[in-house]
Amino acid sequence: METSNTPLEELREIRSLMERSSRFISLSGLSGIFAGVFALIGAGVAYWYLGMDWSERKYVPLTSRTYAFFFADALGVLIPSLALAVYFTTRQAKKRGQKIWDSTSRRLLVNLAIPLVAGGIFIFALLQRAPVLVAPATLIFYGLALVN
């Protein structure tokens, strides 16, 4: 004999399904801490490369060698930050029994990537014309990506 669920049990099940389909797994707090540490290390390496004192402010001419160094420095911050973010988030999701890759996470990634890619293209063009505007532009596009 088949037992039927009460309406209250069915509503709980529907609510649970809706929460799982619309909720994205949150990033681990440790991943944010490590990303900040890697960013500080990357900034320190850039100051060292440019031969600057921490209290000194001077204009450094941007050559192709400087651009190549900054690109390598940025990759040196980005790759370990992303790797640890994936590691800690995967570990946290396994503890909670949640999926990491579903339609919600794909939608989040696409919505985050659109302003970041557009901003990256804009910033590369901006490097040639007005390098002093690069820092504010990165913050603007990063904020747009997070709002999106």
N, C-alpha and C. Protein backbone atom coordinates (compact mmCIF):
# COMPACT_ATOMS: atom_id res chain seq x y z
N MET A 1 0.83 -1.17 0.00
CA MET A 1 0.00 0.00 0.00
C MET A 1 0.89 1.24 0.00
N GLU A 2 0.54 2.17 -0.81
CA GLU A 2 1.33 3.38 -0.99
C GLU A 2 0.86 4.45 -0.02
N THR A 3 1.83 5.06 0.68
CA THR A 3 1.46 6.11 1.62
C THR A 3 1.56 7.45 0.92
N SER A 4 0.58 8.29 1.15
CA SER A 4 0.59 9.61 0.52
C SER A 4 1.13 10.64 1.52
N ASN A 5 1.86 11.58 0.98
CA ASN A 5 2.42 12.64 1.81
C ASN A 5 1.34 13.64 2.19
N THR A 6 1.48 14.18 3.35
CA THR A 6 0.54 15.22 3.75
C THR A 6 0.89 16.50 3.01
N PRO A 7 -0.05 17.39 2.89
CA PRO A 7 0.23 18.65 2.18
C PRO A 7 1.40 19.42 2.80
N LEU A 8 1.54 19.35 4.12
CA LEU A 8 2.65 20.06 4.77
C LEU A 8 3.99 19.47 4.38
N GLU A 9 4.09 18.15 4.27
CA GLU A 9 5.33 17.50 3.85
C GLU A 9 5.66 17.84 2.40
N GLU A 10 4.63 17.89 1.58
CA GLU A 10 4.84 18.24 0.17
C GLU A 10 5.34 19.68 0.03
N LEU A 11 4.77 20.59 0.83
CA LEU A 11 5.24 21.98 0.79
C LEU A 11 6.69 22.09 1.24
N ARG A 12 7.08 21.33 2.25
CA ARG A 12 8.47 21.34 2.71
C ARG A 12 9.40 20.82 1.62
N GLU A 13 8.97 19.79 0.93
CA GLU A 13 9.80 19.23 -0.15
C GLU A 13 9.94 20.22 -1.30
N ILE A 14 8.86 20.90 -1.65
CA ILE A 14 8.90 21.90 -2.72
C ILE A 14 9.82 23.05 -2.32
N ARG A 15 9.71 23.49 -1.08
CA ARG A 15 10.57 24.58 -0.60
C ARG A 15 12.03 24.16 -0.65
N SER A 16 12.33 22.95 -0.23
CA SER A 16 13.71 22.45 -0.27
C SER A 16 14.24 22.41 -1.70
N LEU A 17 13.44 21.95 -2.63
CA LEU A 17 13.86 21.92 -4.04
C LEU A 17 14.12 23.32 -4.57
N MET A 18 13.26 24.26 -4.22
CA MET A 18 13.44 25.63 -4.70
C MET A 18 14.70 26.26 -4.11
N GLU A 19 14.97 26.01 -2.84
CA GLU A 19 16.18 26.55 -2.23
C GLU A 19 17.43 25.98 -2.87
N ARG A 20 17.43 24.68 -3.14
CA ARG A 20 18.61 24.07 -3.75
C ARG A 20 18.82 24.53 -5.18
N SER A 21 17.74 24.85 -5.89
CA SER A 21 17.89 25.25 -7.29
C SER A 21 18.31 26.70 -7.44
N SER A 22 18.00 27.55 -6.45
CA SER A 22 18.32 28.96 -6.60
C SER A 22 19.48 29.42 -5.74
N ARG A 23 20.01 28.57 -4.90
CA ARG A 23 21.08 28.98 -4.00
C ARG A 23 22.42 28.55 -4.59
N PHE A 24 23.34 29.49 -4.62
CA PHE A 24 24.69 29.18 -5.07
C PHE A 24 25.56 28.94 -3.86
N ILE A 25 26.44 28.00 -3.99
CA ILE A 25 27.35 27.71 -2.88
C ILE A 25 28.24 28.92 -2.63
N SER A 26 28.40 29.26 -1.39
CA SER A 26 29.21 30.43 -1.07
C SER A 26 30.69 30.07 -1.07
N LEU A 27 31.50 31.06 -1.40
CA LEU A 27 32.94 30.85 -1.37
C LEU A 27 33.41 30.74 0.08
N SER A 28 34.41 29.97 0.27
CA SER A 28 34.99 29.82 1.60
C SER A 28 35.67 31.12 2.01
N GLY A 29 35.58 31.46 3.29
CA GLY A 29 36.23 32.66 3.79
C GLY A 29 37.74 32.58 3.68
N LEU A 30 38.28 31.37 3.82
CA LEU A 30 39.73 31.20 3.69
C LEU A 30 40.23 31.56 2.29
N SER A 31 39.40 31.32 1.28
CA SER A 31 39.82 31.66 -0.08
C SER A 31 39.97 33.17 -0.23
N GLY A 32 39.10 33.94 0.40
CA GLY A 32 39.23 35.40 0.36
C GLY A 32 40.46 35.90 1.10
N ILE A 33 40.75 35.26 2.23
CA ILE A 33 41.94 35.63 3.00
C ILE A 33 43.20 35.36 2.19
N PHE A 34 43.28 34.18 1.59
CA PHE A 34 44.47 33.85 0.80
C PHE A 34 44.58 34.72 -0.44
N ALA A 35 43.45 35.07 -1.07
CA ALA A 35 43.51 35.96 -2.23
C ALA A 35 44.08 37.32 -1.82
N GLY A 36 43.68 37.82 -0.65
CA GLY A 36 44.23 39.08 -0.15
C GLY A 36 45.71 38.99 0.15
N VAL A 37 46.13 37.87 0.73
CA VAL A 37 47.55 37.68 1.03
C VAL A 37 48.37 37.63 -0.26
N PHE A 38 47.86 36.89 -1.26
CA PHE A 38 48.57 36.83 -2.54
C PHE A 38 48.62 38.19 -3.22
N ALA A 39 47.54 38.98 -3.08
CA ALA A 39 47.53 40.32 -3.67
C ALA A 39 48.57 41.22 -3.00
N LEU A 40 48.68 41.13 -1.68
CA LEU A 40 49.70 41.93 -0.99
C LEU A 40 51.11 41.51 -1.40
N ILE A 41 51.32 40.21 -1.54
CA ILE A 41 52.63 39.73 -1.99
C ILE A 41 52.92 40.24 -3.41
N GLY A 42 51.91 40.18 -4.29
CA GLY A 42 52.08 40.68 -5.66
C GLY A 42 52.40 42.17 -5.70
N ALA A 43 51.74 42.95 -4.84
CA ALA A 43 52.03 44.38 -4.78
C ALA A 43 53.44 44.62 -4.26
N GLY A 44 53.86 43.84 -3.27
CA GLY A 44 55.23 43.98 -2.76
C GLY A 44 56.26 43.64 -3.81
N VAL A 45 56.01 42.60 -4.59
CA VAL A 45 56.93 42.22 -5.65
C VAL A 45 57.00 43.32 -6.71
N ALA A 46 55.86 43.94 -7.03
CA ALA A 46 55.87 45.03 -8.01
C ALA A 46 56.66 46.22 -7.50
N TYR A 47 56.50 46.57 -6.23
CA TYR A 47 57.29 47.66 -5.66
C TYR A 47 58.77 47.34 -5.70
N TRP A 48 59.12 46.11 -5.37
CA TRP A 48 60.52 45.69 -5.41
C TRP A 48 61.07 45.78 -6.83
N TYR A 49 60.29 45.31 -7.81
CA TYR A 49 60.73 45.32 -9.20
C TYR A 49 60.95 46.75 -9.69
N LEU A 50 60.07 47.65 -9.29
CA LEU A 50 60.19 49.04 -9.73
C LEU A 50 61.24 49.81 -8.95
N GLY A 51 61.80 49.20 -7.90
CA GLY A 51 62.83 49.84 -7.11
C GLY A 51 62.32 51.02 -6.31
N MET A 52 61.09 50.90 -5.81
CA MET A 52 60.49 52.02 -5.08
C MET A 52 60.59 51.79 -3.58
N ASP A 53 60.69 52.87 -2.86
CA ASP A 53 60.59 52.85 -1.42
C ASP A 53 59.10 52.96 -1.07
N TRP A 54 58.67 52.42 0.07
CA TRP A 54 57.25 52.41 0.42
C TRP A 54 56.70 53.83 0.59
N SER A 55 57.50 54.79 0.95
CA SER A 55 57.02 56.15 1.13
C SER A 55 57.21 57.01 -0.12
N GLU A 56 57.84 56.47 -1.13
CA GLU A 56 58.21 57.22 -2.32
C GLU A 56 57.12 57.09 -3.39
N ARG A 57 56.87 58.18 -4.06
CA ARG A 57 55.92 58.16 -5.17
C ARG A 57 56.65 58.78 -6.37
N LYS A 58 56.82 57.98 -7.39
CA LYS A 58 57.49 58.50 -8.57
C LYS A 58 56.88 57.85 -9.80
N TYR A 59 57.02 58.53 -10.91
CA TYR A 59 56.51 58.03 -12.17
C TYR A 59 57.51 57.05 -12.76
N VAL A 60 57.03 55.90 -13.16
CA VAL A 60 57.88 54.89 -13.77
C VAL A 60 57.42 54.74 -15.22
N PRO A 61 58.31 54.94 -16.17
CA PRO A 61 57.90 54.78 -17.57
C PRO A 61 57.51 53.34 -17.86
N LEU A 62 56.41 53.19 -18.57
CA LEU A 62 55.90 51.86 -18.87
C LEU A 62 56.46 51.39 -20.21
N THR A 63 57.30 50.40 -20.15
CA THR A 63 57.88 49.81 -21.35
C THR A 63 57.25 48.44 -21.56
N SER A 64 57.61 47.81 -22.66
CA SER A 64 57.07 46.47 -22.92
C SER A 64 57.57 45.48 -21.87
N ARG A 65 58.77 45.69 -21.38
CA ARG A 65 59.30 44.81 -20.34
C ARG A 65 58.52 44.98 -19.03
N THR A 66 58.15 46.22 -18.72
CA THR A 66 57.35 46.47 -17.52
C THR A 66 55.97 45.85 -17.65
N TYR A 67 55.36 45.99 -18.84
CA TYR A 67 54.05 45.37 -19.07
C TYR A 67 54.14 43.86 -18.90
N ALA A 68 55.19 43.25 -19.44
CA ALA A 68 55.35 41.80 -19.32
C ALA A 68 55.50 41.39 -17.85
N PHE A 69 56.25 42.18 -17.09
CA PHE A 69 56.39 41.87 -15.67
C PHE A 69 55.06 41.99 -14.95
N PHE A 70 54.33 43.07 -15.20
CA PHE A 70 53.03 43.25 -14.54
C PHE A 70 52.06 42.12 -14.90
N PHE A 71 52.10 41.68 -16.15
CA PHE A 71 51.24 40.57 -16.57
C PHE A 71 51.62 39.29 -15.83
N ALA A 72 52.92 39.02 -15.73
CA ALA A 72 53.38 37.83 -15.00
C ALA A 72 53.05 37.94 -13.52
N ASP A 73 53.19 39.12 -12.96
CA ASP A 73 52.86 39.34 -11.55
C ASP A 73 51.36 39.12 -11.32
N ALA A 74 50.55 39.62 -12.22
CA ALA A 74 49.10 39.42 -12.10
C ALA A 74 48.73 37.94 -12.18
N LEU A 75 49.36 37.22 -13.09
CA LEU A 75 49.11 35.77 -13.18
C LEU A 75 49.60 35.06 -11.93
N GLY A 76 50.70 35.54 -11.36
CA GLY A 76 51.22 34.95 -10.14
C GLY A 76 50.30 35.17 -8.95
N VAL A 77 49.45 36.16 -9.01
CA VAL A 77 48.44 36.38 -7.97
C VAL A 77 47.15 35.63 -8.31
N LEU A 78 46.75 35.70 -9.58
CA LEU A 78 45.47 35.13 -9.99
C LEU A 78 45.42 33.61 -9.89
N ILE A 79 46.43 32.94 -10.39
CA ILE A 79 46.38 31.48 -10.46
C ILE A 79 46.33 30.83 -9.08
N PRO A 80 47.22 31.18 -8.14
CA PRO A 80 47.09 30.57 -6.81
C PRO A 80 45.81 30.98 -6.08
N SER A 81 45.35 32.20 -6.31
CA SER A 81 44.11 32.63 -5.66
C SER A 81 42.93 31.81 -6.15
N LEU A 82 42.83 31.61 -7.46
CA LEU A 82 41.74 30.80 -8.01
C LEU A 82 41.86 29.34 -7.58
N ALA A 83 43.08 28.82 -7.59
CA ALA A 83 43.27 27.43 -7.20
C ALA A 83 42.83 27.19 -5.75
N LEU A 84 43.23 28.08 -4.86
CA LEU A 84 42.82 27.91 -3.46
C LEU A 84 41.33 28.18 -3.26
N ALA A 85 40.76 29.09 -4.04
CA ALA A 85 39.31 29.33 -3.95
C ALA A 85 38.54 28.07 -4.36
N VAL A 86 38.97 27.43 -5.44
CA VAL A 86 38.31 26.20 -5.87
C VAL A 86 38.50 25.09 -4.82
N TYR A 87 39.70 24.97 -4.30
CA TYR A 87 39.98 23.93 -3.30
C TYR A 87 39.13 24.11 -2.05
N PHE A 88 39.16 25.32 -1.47
CA PHE A 88 38.43 25.54 -0.22
C PHE A 88 36.92 25.47 -0.42
N THR A 89 36.43 25.96 -1.56
CA THR A 89 34.99 25.91 -1.82
C THR A 89 34.54 24.48 -2.06
N THR A 90 35.33 23.69 -2.76
CA THR A 90 35.00 22.28 -2.97
C THR A 90 34.98 21.54 -1.65
N ARG A 91 35.94 21.81 -0.81
CA ARG A 91 36.00 21.17 0.49
C ARG A 91 34.78 21.54 1.34
N GLN A 92 34.40 22.81 1.31
CA GLN A 92 33.24 23.26 2.07
C GLN A 92 31.95 22.65 1.53
N ALA A 93 31.83 22.54 0.21
CA ALA A 93 30.62 21.97 -0.38
C ALA A 93 30.49 20.49 -0.05
N LYS A 94 31.59 19.76 -0.05
CA LYS A 94 31.54 18.34 0.29
C LYS A 94 31.10 18.14 1.73
N LYS A 95 31.55 19.03 2.63
CA LYS A 95 31.13 18.92 4.02
C LYS A 95 29.63 19.14 4.16
N ARG A 96 29.08 20.05 3.35
CA ARG A 96 27.65 20.37 3.42
C ARG A 96 26.79 19.47 2.53
N GLY A 97 27.44 18.68 1.69
CA GLY A 97 26.69 17.80 0.78
C GLY A 97 26.03 18.55 -0.36
N GLN A 98 26.64 19.62 -0.82
CA GLN A 98 26.08 20.43 -1.91
C GLN A 98 26.85 20.19 -3.19
N LYS A 99 26.14 20.44 -4.30
CA LYS A 99 26.80 20.40 -5.61
C LYS A 99 27.52 21.72 -5.84
N ILE A 100 28.60 21.65 -6.58
CA ILE A 100 29.34 22.87 -6.90
C ILE A 100 28.94 23.40 -8.27
N TRP A 101 28.83 22.52 -9.23
CA TRP A 101 28.57 22.95 -10.60
C TRP A 101 27.14 22.59 -10.97
N ASP A 102 26.27 23.59 -11.03
CA ASP A 102 24.89 23.40 -11.46
C ASP A 102 24.48 24.61 -12.29
N SER A 103 23.21 24.70 -12.63
CA SER A 103 22.78 25.80 -13.50
C SER A 103 22.96 27.16 -12.83
N THR A 104 22.81 27.23 -11.53
CA THR A 104 22.98 28.50 -10.83
C THR A 104 24.43 28.95 -10.86
N SER A 105 25.36 28.03 -10.64
CA SER A 105 26.77 28.42 -10.67
C SER A 105 27.22 28.78 -12.08
N ARG A 106 26.69 28.11 -13.09
CA ARG A 106 27.02 28.47 -14.47
C ARG A 106 26.50 29.87 -14.79
N ARG A 107 25.28 30.17 -14.36
CA ARG A 107 24.70 31.49 -14.59
C ARG A 107 25.50 32.57 -13.87
N LEU A 108 25.93 32.28 -12.66
CA LEU A 108 26.76 33.23 -11.90
C LEU A 108 28.07 33.49 -12.62
N LEU A 109 28.70 32.44 -13.13
CA LEU A 109 29.98 32.59 -13.81
C LEU A 109 29.84 33.42 -15.08
N VAL A 110 28.79 33.20 -15.84
CA VAL A 110 28.58 33.97 -17.07
C VAL A 110 28.32 35.44 -16.73
N ASN A 111 27.45 35.68 -15.74
CA ASN A 111 27.13 37.06 -15.37
C ASN A 111 28.32 37.80 -14.77
N LEU A 112 29.22 37.08 -14.14
CA LEU A 112 30.42 37.69 -13.59
C LEU A 112 31.46 37.94 -14.69
N ALA A 113 31.54 37.03 -15.64
CA ALA A 113 32.59 37.10 -16.67
C ALA A 113 32.35 38.22 -17.68
N ILE A 114 31.11 38.52 -17.99
CA ILE A 114 30.83 39.51 -19.04
C ILE A 114 31.44 40.87 -18.70
N PRO A 115 31.15 41.47 -17.53
CA PRO A 115 31.79 42.76 -17.23
C PRO A 115 33.31 42.65 -17.02
N LEU A 116 33.78 41.52 -16.49
CA LEU A 116 35.22 41.38 -16.28
C LEU A 116 35.98 41.31 -17.59
N VAL A 117 35.47 40.58 -18.56
CA VAL A 117 36.14 40.48 -19.86
C VAL A 117 36.07 41.83 -20.59
N ALA A 118 34.90 42.46 -20.57
CA ALA A 118 34.77 43.77 -21.21
C ALA A 118 35.70 44.78 -20.55
N GLY A 119 35.78 44.75 -19.23
CA GLY A 119 36.68 45.65 -18.51
C GLY A 119 38.13 45.37 -18.82
N GLY A 120 38.50 44.10 -18.94
CA GLY A 120 39.87 43.74 -19.28
C GLY A 120 40.28 44.28 -20.64
N ILE A 121 39.40 44.16 -21.60
CA ILE A 121 39.67 44.69 -22.95
C ILE A 121 39.82 46.21 -22.90
N PHE A 122 38.90 46.85 -22.16
CA PHE A 122 38.95 48.31 -22.03
C PHE A 122 40.24 48.76 -21.34
N ILE A 123 40.65 48.04 -20.32
CA ILE A 123 41.84 48.42 -19.56
C ILE A 123 43.11 48.24 -20.39
N PHE A 124 43.18 47.18 -21.20
CA PHE A 124 44.34 47.03 -22.08
C PHE A 124 44.43 48.19 -23.06
N ALA A 125 43.29 48.65 -23.56
CA ALA A 125 43.30 49.81 -24.45
C ALA A 125 43.67 51.08 -23.67
N LEU A 126 43.21 51.15 -22.43
CA LEU A 126 43.48 52.32 -21.60
C LEU A 126 44.95 52.42 -21.21
N LEU A 127 45.64 51.30 -21.14
CA LEU A 127 47.07 51.31 -20.79
C LEU A 127 47.88 52.13 -21.79
N GLN A 128 47.48 52.13 -23.04
CA GLN A 128 48.21 52.86 -24.06
C GLN A 128 47.94 54.37 -24.01
N ARG A 129 46.73 54.75 -23.62
CA ARG A 129 46.33 56.16 -23.68
C ARG A 129 46.48 56.89 -22.34
N ALA A 130 45.97 56.27 -21.27
CA ALA A 130 45.96 56.95 -19.97
C ALA A 130 46.19 55.93 -18.85
N PRO A 131 47.43 55.53 -18.62
CA PRO A 131 47.69 54.51 -17.61
C PRO A 131 47.28 54.91 -16.20
N VAL A 132 47.16 56.20 -15.94
CA VAL A 132 46.78 56.64 -14.60
C VAL A 132 45.33 56.27 -14.29
N LEU A 133 44.52 55.99 -15.29
CA LEU A 133 43.11 55.64 -15.08
C LEU A 133 42.88 54.14 -14.95
N VAL A 134 43.93 53.35 -15.01
CA VAL A 134 43.78 51.90 -14.97
C VAL A 134 43.23 51.43 -13.62
N ALA A 135 43.78 51.91 -12.53
CA ALA A 135 43.34 51.47 -11.21
C ALA A 135 41.87 51.78 -10.96
N PRO A 136 41.39 53.00 -11.21
CA PRO A 136 39.96 53.25 -11.01
C PRO A 136 39.08 52.42 -11.95
N ALA A 137 39.54 52.20 -13.17
CA ALA A 137 38.74 51.43 -14.12
C ALA A 137 38.62 49.97 -13.67
N THR A 138 39.70 49.42 -13.12
CA THR A 138 39.60 48.04 -12.64
C THR A 138 38.59 47.93 -11.51
N LEU A 139 38.58 48.90 -10.61
CA LEU A 139 37.61 48.87 -9.52
C LEU A 139 36.18 49.03 -10.02
N ILE A 140 35.98 49.88 -11.01
CA ILE A 140 34.64 50.08 -11.56
C ILE A 140 34.13 48.80 -12.20
N PHE A 141 34.94 48.16 -13.04
CA PHE A 141 34.48 46.95 -13.72
C PHE A 141 34.33 45.78 -12.75
N TYR A 142 35.18 45.71 -11.75
CA TYR A 142 35.03 44.67 -10.73
C TYR A 142 33.72 44.87 -9.97
N GLY A 143 33.41 46.10 -9.62
CA GLY A 143 32.14 46.38 -8.95
C GLY A 143 30.95 46.06 -9.84
N LEU A 144 31.04 46.40 -11.12
CA LEU A 144 29.96 46.06 -12.05
C LEU A 144 29.76 44.55 -12.15
N ALA A 145 30.85 43.82 -12.15
CA ALA A 145 30.74 42.36 -12.23
C ALA A 145 30.06 41.80 -11.00
N LEU A 146 30.40 42.32 -9.83
CA LEU A 146 29.78 41.83 -8.61
C LEU A 146 28.31 42.20 -8.54
N VAL A 147 27.95 43.40 -8.99
CA VAL A 147 26.54 43.81 -8.99
C VAL A 147 25.76 42.97 -9.99
N ASN A 148 26.36 42.68 -11.13
CA ASN A 148 25.69 41.88 -12.16
C ASN A 148 25.39 40.51 -11.63
